[in-house]
PDB file of N, CA and C in Angstrom:
ATOM      1  N   MET A   1      -4.878  19.928 -20.102  1.00  0.00           N
ATOM      2  CA  MET A   1      -3.470  19.257 -20.569  1.00  0.00           C
ATOM      3  C   MET A   1      -2.750  18.498 -19.212  1.00  0.00           C
ATOM      4  N   THR A   2      -2.225  17.250 -19.398  1.00  0.00           N
ATOM      5  CA  THR A   2      -1.475  17.002 -18.254  1.00  0.00           C
ATOM      6  C   THR A   2       0.276  17.046 -19.114  1.00  0.00           C
ATOM      7  N   ASN A   3       0.714  17.473 -18.329  1.00  0.00           N
ATOM      8  CA  ASN A   3       2.408  17.455 -18.945  1.00  0.00           C
ATOM      9  C   ASN A   3       2.983  16.160 -18.735  1.00  0.00           C
ATOM     10  N   PRO A   4       3.334  15.323 -19.564  1.00  0.00           N
ATOM     11  CA  PRO A   4       3.777  13.984 -18.967  1.00  0.00           C
ATOM     12  C   PRO A   4       5.372  13.890 -18.325  1.00  0.00           C
ATOM     13  N   ILE A   5       5.987  15.267 -18.567  1.00  0.00           N
ATOM     14  CA  ILE A   5       7.158  15.786 -17.481  1.00  0.00           C
ATOM     15  C   ILE A   5       6.778  15.702 -16.553  1.00  0.00           C
ATOM     16  N   ALA A   6       5.929  16.507 -16.140  1.00  0.00           N
ATOM     17  CA  ALA A   6       5.595  17.090 -14.832  1.00  0.00           C
ATOM     18  C   ALA A   6       5.006  16.101 -14.251  1.00  0.00           C
ATOM     19  N   ASP A   7       4.081  15.163 -14.409  1.00  0.00           N
ATOM     20  CA  ASP A   7       3.294  14.189 -14.072  1.00  0.00           C
ATOM     21  C   ASP A   7       4.080  13.293 -13.165  1.00  0.00           C
ATOM     22  N   PRO A   8       3.939  13.314 -11.763  1.00  0.00           N
ATOM     23  CA  PRO A   8       4.729  12.471 -10.914  1.00  0.00           C
ATOM     24  C   PRO A   8       4.054  10.768 -10.910  1.00  0.00           C
ATOM     25  N   GLY A   9       2.921  10.717 -11.404  1.00  0.00           N
ATOM     26  CA  GLY A   9       2.070   9.324 -11.370  1.00  0.00           C
ATOM     27  C   GLY A   9       1.077   9.125  -9.841  1.00  0.00           C
ATOM     28  N   HIS A  10       1.839   9.885  -9.395  1.00  0.00           N
ATOM     29  CA  HIS A  10       0.864   9.538  -7.830  1.00  0.00           C
ATOM     30  C   HIS A  10       0.680   8.244  -7.235  1.00  0.00           C
ATOM     31  N   GLY A  11       1.441   7.502  -7.568  1.00  0.00           N
ATOM     32  CA  GLY A  11       1.506   6.204  -7.189  1.00  0.00           C
ATOM     33  C   GLY A  11       0.249   5.291  -7.328  1.00  0.00           C
ATOM     34  N   HIS A  12      -0.366   5.372  -8.573  1.00  0.00           N
ATOM     35  CA  HIS A  12      -1.447   4.763  -9.047  1.00  0.00           C
ATOM     36  C   HIS A  12      -0.705   3.526  -9.959  1.00  0.00           C
ATOM     37  N   SER A  13      -0.555   2.576  -8.624  1.00  0.00           N
ATOM     38  CA  SER A  13       0.117   1.023  -9.125  1.00  0.00           C
ATOM     39  C   SER A  13      -0.389   0.176  -8.527  1.00  0.00           C
ATOM     40  N   PRO A  14      -0.369  -0.759  -8.817  1.00  0.00           N
ATOM     41  CA  PRO A  14      -0.926  -2.031  -8.098  1.00  0.00           C
ATOM     42  C   PRO A  14       0.277  -2.145  -6.914  1.00  0.00           C
ATOM     43  N   ALA A  15       1.277  -1.837  -6.786  1.00  0.00           N
ATOM     44  CA  ALA A  15       2.409  -1.402  -5.756  1.00  0.00           C
ATOM     45  C   ALA A  15       1.938  -1.447  -4.625  1.00  0.00           C
ATOM     46  N   ALA A  16       1.830   0.343  -5.269  1.00  0.00           N
ATOM     47  CA  ALA A  16       1.127   1.447  -4.021  1.00  0.00           C
ATOM     48  C   ALA A  16      -0.058   0.602  -3.712  1.00  0.00           C
ATOM     49  N   TRP A  17      -1.385   0.023  -4.606  1.00  0.00           N
ATOM     50  CA  TRP A  17      -2.706   0.239  -3.936  1.00  0.00           C
ATOM     51  C   TRP A  17      -2.487  -0.928  -2.907  1.00  0.00           C
ATOM     52  N   THR A  18      -1.551  -1.972  -3.418  1.00  0.00           N
ATOM     53  CA  THR A  18      -1.813  -3.116  -2.129  1.00  0.00           C
ATOM     54  C   THR A  18      -0.915  -2.523  -1.226  1.00  0.00           C
ATOM     55  N   ALA A  19       0.130  -1.967  -0.895  1.00  0.00           N
ATOM     56  CA  ALA A  19       0.396  -1.759   0.376  1.00  0.00           C
ATOM     57  C   ALA A  19      -0.306  -0.791   1.068  1.00  0.00           C
ATOM     58  N   VAL A  20      -1.045   0.130   0.266  1.00  0.00           N
ATOM     59  CA  VAL A  20      -1.914   0.899   1.501  1.00  0.00           C
ATOM     60  C   VAL A  20      -3.166  -0.083   1.645  1.00  0.00           C
ATOM     61  N   VAL A  21      -3.453  -0.895   0.875  1.00  0.00           N
ATOM     62  CA  VAL A  21      -4.657  -1.322   1.456  1.00  0.00           C
ATOM     63  C   VAL A  21      -4.292  -2.346   2.805  1.00  0.00           C
ATOM     64  N   ILE A  22      -2.900  -3.351   2.560  1.00  0.00           N
ATOM     65  CA  ILE A  22      -2.468  -3.865   3.233  1.00  0.00           C
ATOM     66  C   ILE A  22      -2.620  -2.912   5.111  1.00  0.00           C
ATOM     67  N   MET A  23      -1.777  -1.783   4.718  1.00  0.00           N
ATOM     68  CA  MET A  23      -1.713  -0.924   6.159  1.00  0.00           C
ATOM     69  C   MET A  23      -3.162  -0.386   6.655  1.00  0.00           C
ATOM     70  N   LEU A  24      -3.874  -0.386   5.514  1.00  0.00           N
ATOM     71  CA  LEU A  24      -5.369   0.588   6.016  1.00  0.00           C
ATOM     72  C   LEU A  24      -5.873  -0.829   7.363  1.00  0.00           C
ATOM     73  N   VAL A  25      -5.746  -2.243   6.370  1.00  0.00           N
ATOM     74  CA  VAL A  25      -6.429  -3.065   6.970  1.00  0.00           C
ATOM     75  C   VAL A  25      -5.706  -3.285   8.514  1.00  0.00           C
ATOM     76  N   GLY A  26      -4.286  -3.062   8.779  1.00  0.00           N
ATOM     77  CA  GLY A  26      -3.757  -3.284   9.692  1.00  0.00           C
ATOM     78  C   GLY A  26      -4.154  -1.941  10.762  1.00  0.00           C
ATOM     79  N   PHE A  27      -4.215  -0.498  10.217  1.00  0.00           N
ATOM     80  CA  PHE A  27      -4.575  -0.031  11.334  1.00  0.00           C
ATOM     81  C   PHE A  27      -6.038   0.011  11.898  1.00  0.00           C
ATOM     82  N   ALA A  28      -7.025  -0.103  10.567  1.00  0.00           N
ATOM     83  CA  ALA A  28      -8.670  -0.692  11.114  1.00  0.00           C
ATOM     84  C   ALA A  28      -8.476  -1.396  12.211  1.00  0.00           C
ATOM     85  N   ALA A  29      -7.983  -2.755  11.877  1.00  0.00           N
ATOM     86  CA  ALA A  29      -8.113  -3.963  12.581  1.00  0.00           C
ATOM     87  C   ALA A  29      -7.564  -3.683  14.023  1.00  0.00           C
ATOM     88  N   ALA A  30      -6.592  -2.970  13.976  1.00  0.00           N
ATOM     89  CA  ALA A  30      -5.590  -2.288  15.345  1.00  0.00           C
ATOM     90  C   ALA A  30      -6.650  -1.693  15.843  1.00  0.00           C
ATOM     91  N   THR A  31      -7.012  -0.560  15.327  1.00  0.00           N
ATOM     92  CA  THR A  31      -8.377   0.364  16.164  1.00  0.00           C
ATOM     93  C   THR A  31      -9.475  -0.376  16.963  1.00  0.00           C
ATOM     94  N   VAL A  32      -9.863  -1.527  16.038  1.00  0.00           N
ATOM     95  CA  VAL A  32     -10.865  -2.066  16.716  1.00  0.00           C
ATOM     96  C   VAL A  32     -10.270  -3.024  17.967  1.00  0.00           C
ATOM     97  N   ALA A  33      -9.475  -3.814  17.523  1.00  0.00           N
ATOM     98  CA  ALA A  33      -9.139  -4.289  18.571  1.00  0.00           C
ATOM     99  C   ALA A  33      -8.675  -3.624  19.883  1.00  0.00           C
ATOM    100  N   PHE A  34      -7.803  -2.272  19.888  1.00  0.00           N
ATOM    101  CA  PHE A  34      -7.644  -1.467  21.004  1.00  0.00           C
ATOM    102  C   PHE A  34      -8.868  -1.032  21.734  1.00  0.00           C
ATOM    103  N   CYS A  35     -10.119  -0.788  20.787  1.00  0.00           N
ATOM    104  CA  CYS A  35     -11.527  -0.378  21.500  1.00  0.00           C
ATOM    105  C   CYS A  35     -12.084  -1.703  22.152  1.00  0.00           C
ATOM    106  N   PHE A  36     -11.798  -3.108  22.070  1.00  0.00           N
ATOM    107  CA  PHE A  36     -12.213  -4.404  22.552  1.00  0.00           C
ATOM    108  C   PHE A  36     -11.452  -4.649  23.408  1.00  0.00           C
ATOM    109  N   GLU A  37     -10.102  -3.799  23.831  1.00  0.00           N
ATOM    110  CA  GLU A  37      -8.882  -4.371  24.578  1.00  0.00           C
ATOM    111  C   GLU A  37      -8.438  -5.503  24.896  1.00  0.00           C
ATOM    112  N   GLN A  38      -7.886  -5.759  23.210  1.00  0.00           N
ATOM    113  CA  GLN A  38      -7.159  -6.646  22.964  1.00  0.00           C
ATOM    114  C   GLN A  38      -5.968  -6.754  22.511  1.00  0.00           C
ATOM    115  N   PRO A  39      -5.024  -6.725  23.677  1.00  0.00           N
ATOM    116  CA  PRO A  39      -3.643  -6.133  23.514  1.00  0.00           C
ATOM    117  C   PRO A  39      -2.625  -7.289  22.386  1.00  0.00           C
ATOM    118  N   VAL A  40      -3.155  -8.355  22.035  1.00  0.00           N
ATOM    119  CA  VAL A  40      -2.415  -9.412  21.542  1.00  0.00           C
ATOM    120  C   VAL A  40      -2.657  -9.061  19.649  1.00  0.00           C
ATOM    121  N   LEU A  41      -3.798  -8.654  20.085  1.00  0.00           N
ATOM    122  CA  LEU A  41      -4.597  -8.279  18.583  1.00  0.00           C
ATOM    123  C   LEU A  41      -4.197  -7.311  18.374  1.00  0.00           C
ATOM    124  N   VAL A  42      -3.719  -6.045  19.439  1.00  0.00           N
ATOM    125  CA  VAL A  42      -3.331  -4.704  18.837  1.00  0.00           C
ATOM    126  C   VAL A  42      -1.890  -5.126  18.085  1.00  0.00           C
ATOM    127  N   ILE A  43      -1.217  -5.688  18.876  1.00  0.00           N
ATOM    128  CA  ILE A  43      -0.237  -5.820  18.668  1.00  0.00           C
ATOM    129  C   ILE A  43       0.621  -6.582  17.019  1.00  0.00           C
ATOM    130  N   ALA A  44      -0.254  -7.671  16.733  1.00  0.00           N
ATOM    131  CA  ALA A  44      -0.537  -8.527  15.560  1.00  0.00           C
ATOM    132  C   ALA A  44      -1.287  -7.674  14.243  1.00  0.00           C
ATOM    133  N   SER A  45      -2.261  -6.749  14.609  1.00  0.00           N
ATOM    134  CA  SER A  45      -2.616  -5.876  13.666  1.00  0.00           C
ATOM    135  C   SER A  45      -1.617  -4.774  12.849  1.00  0.00           C
ATOM    136  N   VAL A  46      -1.084  -4.117  14.391  1.00  0.00           N
ATOM    137  CA  VAL A  46       0.151  -3.201  13.889  1.00  0.00           C
ATOM    138  C   VAL A  46       1.337  -4.086  13.178  1.00  0.00           C
ATOM    139  N   ALA A  47       1.602  -4.978  13.232  1.00  0.00           N
ATOM    140  CA  ALA A  47       2.583  -5.694  12.748  1.00  0.00           C
ATOM    141  C   ALA A  47       2.474  -5.620  10.944  1.00  0.00           C
ATOM    142  N   LEU A  48       1.207  -5.497  10.536  1.00  0.00           N
ATOM    143  CA  LEU A  48       0.593  -5.606   9.356  1.00  0.00           C
ATOM    144  C   LEU A  48       1.409  -4.437   8.694  1.00  0.00           C
ATOM    145  N   VAL A  49       1.364  -3.318   9.255  1.00  0.00           N
ATOM    146  CA  VAL A  49       1.988  -1.867   8.635  1.00  0.00           C
ATOM    147  C   VAL A  49       3.209  -1.858   8.308  1.00  0.00           C
ATOM    148  N   PRO A  50       3.895  -2.270   8.950  1.00  0.00           N
ATOM    149  CA  PRO A  50       5.514  -2.742   7.942  1.00  0.00           C
ATOM    150  C   PRO A  50       5.542  -3.907   6.896  1.00  0.00           C
ATOM    151  N   ILE A  51       4.350  -4.861   7.137  1.00  0.00           N
ATOM    152  CA  ILE A  51       4.510  -5.872   5.741  1.00  0.00           C
ATOM    153  C   ILE A  51       3.773  -5.620   4.749  1.00  0.00           C
ATOM    154  N   GLY A  52       3.103  -4.556   5.022  1.00  0.00           N
ATOM    155  CA  GLY A  52       2.055  -3.402   3.901  1.00  0.00           C
ATOM    156  C   GLY A  52       3.654  -2.451   3.284  1.00  0.00           C
ATOM    157  N   ALA A  53       4.295  -1.825   3.859  1.00  0.00           N
ATOM    158  CA  ALA A  53       5.393  -1.471   3.035  1.00  0.00           C
ATOM    159  C   ALA A  53       6.242  -2.429   2.360  1.00  0.00           C
ATOM    160  N   ILE A  54       6.354  -3.888   3.199  1.00  0.00           N
ATOM    161  CA  ILE A  54       7.488  -4.353   2.555  1.00  0.00           C
ATOM    162  C   ILE A  54       6.735  -5.094   1.280  1.00  0.00           C
ATOM    163  N   VAL A  55       5.447  -5.440   1.395  1.00  0.00           N
ATOM    164  CA  VAL A  55       4.708  -6.028   0.178  1.00  0.00           C
ATOM    165  C   VAL A  55       5.064  -5.102  -1.172  1.00  0.00           C
ATOM    166  N   GLY A  56       4.550  -3.791  -0.909  1.00  0.00           N
ATOM    167  CA  GLY A  56       4.616  -2.607  -1.431  1.00  0.00           C
ATOM    168  C   GLY A  56       5.961  -2.601  -2.147  1.00  0.00           C
ATOM    169  N   TRP A  57       7.021  -2.253  -1.059  1.00  0.00           N
ATOM    170  CA  TRP A  57       8.740  -2.542  -2.028  1.00  0.00           C
ATOM    171  C   TRP A  57       8.818  -3.533  -3.176  1.00  0.00           C
ATOM    172  N   ALA A  58       8.625  -4.905  -2.345  1.00  0.00           N
ATOM    173  CA  ALA A  58       8.688  -6.151  -3.202  1.00  0.00           C
ATOM    174  C   ALA A  58       8.105  -5.966  -4.674  1.00  0.00           C
ATOM    175  N   LEU A  59       6.746  -5.586  -4.629  1.00  0.00           N
ATOM    176  CA  LEU A  59       6.169  -5.233  -5.676  1.00  0.00           C
ATOM    177  C   LEU A  59       6.878  -4.243  -6.882  1.00  0.00           C
ATOM    178  N   ALA A  60       7.367  -3.406  -6.249  1.00  0.00           N
ATOM    179  CA  ALA A  60       7.632  -2.479  -6.951  1.00  0.00           C
ATOM    180  C   ALA A  60       9.288  -2.875  -7.721  1.00  0.00           C
ATOM    181  N   LYS A  61       9.973  -3.553  -6.789  1.00  0.00           N
ATOM    182  CA  LYS A  61      11.030  -4.008  -7.369  1.00  0.00           C
ATOM    183  C   LYS A  61      10.751  -5.018  -8.450  1.00  0.00           C
ATOM    184  N   ALA A  62       9.679  -5.786  -8.455  1.00  0.00           N
ATOM    185  CA  ALA A  62       9.193  -7.171  -9.070  1.00  0.00           C
ATOM    186  C   ALA A  62       8.491  -6.341 -10.686  1.00  0.00           C
ATOM    187  N   GLY A  63       8.480  -4.989 -10.269  1.00  0.00           N
ATOM    188  CA  GLY A  63       7.821  -4.459 -11.744  1.00  0.00           C
ATOM    189  C   GLY A  63       6.637  -3.811 -11.760  1.00  0.00           C
ATOM    190  N   TYR A  64       6.020  -3.841 -10.726  1.00  0.00           N
ATOM    191  CA  TYR A  64       4.538  -3.515 -10.506  1.00  0.00           C
ATOM    192  C   TYR A  64       4.107  -1.893  -9.771  1.00  0.00           C
ATOM    193  N   GLY A  65       5.304  -1.268 -10.189  1.00  0.00           N
ATOM    194  CA  GLY A  65       5.404  -0.028  -9.357  1.00  0.00           C
ATOM    195  C   GLY A  65       5.319   1.364 -10.621  1.00  0.00           C
ATOM    196  N   VAL A  66       5.231   1.935 -10.368  1.00  0.00           N
ATOM    197  CA  VAL A  66       4.883   3.476 -11.222  1.00  0.00           C
ATOM    198  C   VAL A  66       5.560   3.012 -12.358  1.00  0.00           C
ATOM    199  N   LYS A  67       5.654   3.499 -13.413  1.00  0.00           N
ATOM    200  CA  LYS A  67       7.051   3.206 -14.656  1.00  0.00           C
ATOM    201  C   LYS A  67       7.900   2.085 -14.389  1.00  0.00           C
ATOM    202  N   GLY A  68       7.414   0.625 -13.740  1.00  0.00           N
ATOM    203  CA  GLY A  68       7.750  -0.550 -14.101  1.00  0.00           C
ATOM    204  C   GLY A  68       7.430  -1.199 -15.369  1.00  0.00           C
ATOM    205  N   PRO A  69       7.852  -2.419 -15.467  1.00  0.00           N
ATOM    206  CA  PRO A  69       7.578  -2.952 -16.870  1.00  0.00           C
ATOM    207  C   PRO A  69       6.590  -3.436 -16.849  1.00  0.00           C
ATOM    208  N   LYS A  70       6.347  -4.078 -15.632  1.00  0.00           N
ATOM    209  CA  LYS A  70       4.570  -4.875 -16.030  1.00  0.00           C
ATOM    210  C   LYS A  70       3.562  -3.757 -15.476  1.00  0.00           C
ATOM    211  N   TYR A  71       3.604  -2.536 -15.541  1.00  0.00           N
ATOM    212  CA  TYR A  71       2.629  -2.004 -14.770  1.00  0.00           C
ATOM    213  C   TYR A  71       2.058  -1.042 -15.950  1.00  0.00           C
ATOM    214  N   ALA A  72       0.614  -0.807 -15.980  1.00  0.00           N
ATOM    215  CA  ALA A  72       0.093  -0.078 -17.734  1.00  0.00           C
ATOM    216  C   ALA A  72      -0.642   0.417 -17.411  1.00  0.00           C
ATOM    217  N   PRO A  73      -0.551   1.706 -17.264  1.00  0.00           N
ATOM    218  CA  PRO A  73      -1.227   2.769 -16.649  1.00  0.00           C
ATOM    219  C   PRO A  73      -3.090   2.970 -17.689  1.00  0.00           C
ATOM    220  N   LYS A  74      -4.039   3.069 -17.252  1.00  0.00           N
ATOM    221  CA  LYS A  74      -5.176   3.124 -17.850  1.00  0.00           C
ATOM    222  C   LYS A  74      -5.015   4.818 -18.098  1.00  0.00           C
ATOM    223  N   ALA A  75      -5.709   4.683 -19.436  1.00  0.00           N
ATOM    224  CA  ALA A  75      -5.946   6.116 -19.733  1.00  0.00           C
ATOM    225  C   ALA A  75      -7.370   6.727 -19.231  1.00  0.00           C
ATOM    226  N   HIS A  76      -7.434   7.982 -19.102  1.00  0.00           N
ATOM    227  CA  HIS A  76      -8.193   8.687 -18.692  1.00  0.00           C
ATOM    228  C   HIS A  76      -9.166   9.366 -19.691  1.00  0.00           C
TER     229      HIS A  76
END
């Protein structure tokens, strides 16, 4: 059984998933660009990482974070 008081939510929210996906795409694209020696694409891809963090923060402030009013967790 889970204790709802001790359950931190683990970030399973649209805000968290969106932020992580954007940052993961940034890291993956930067890795590929680095392998092909494309410094401009590396820098552009690395710029996606803070953008992902900002998007996640903005979505959390908009109510899509863990305990936000627009977030409805799915039952397991």
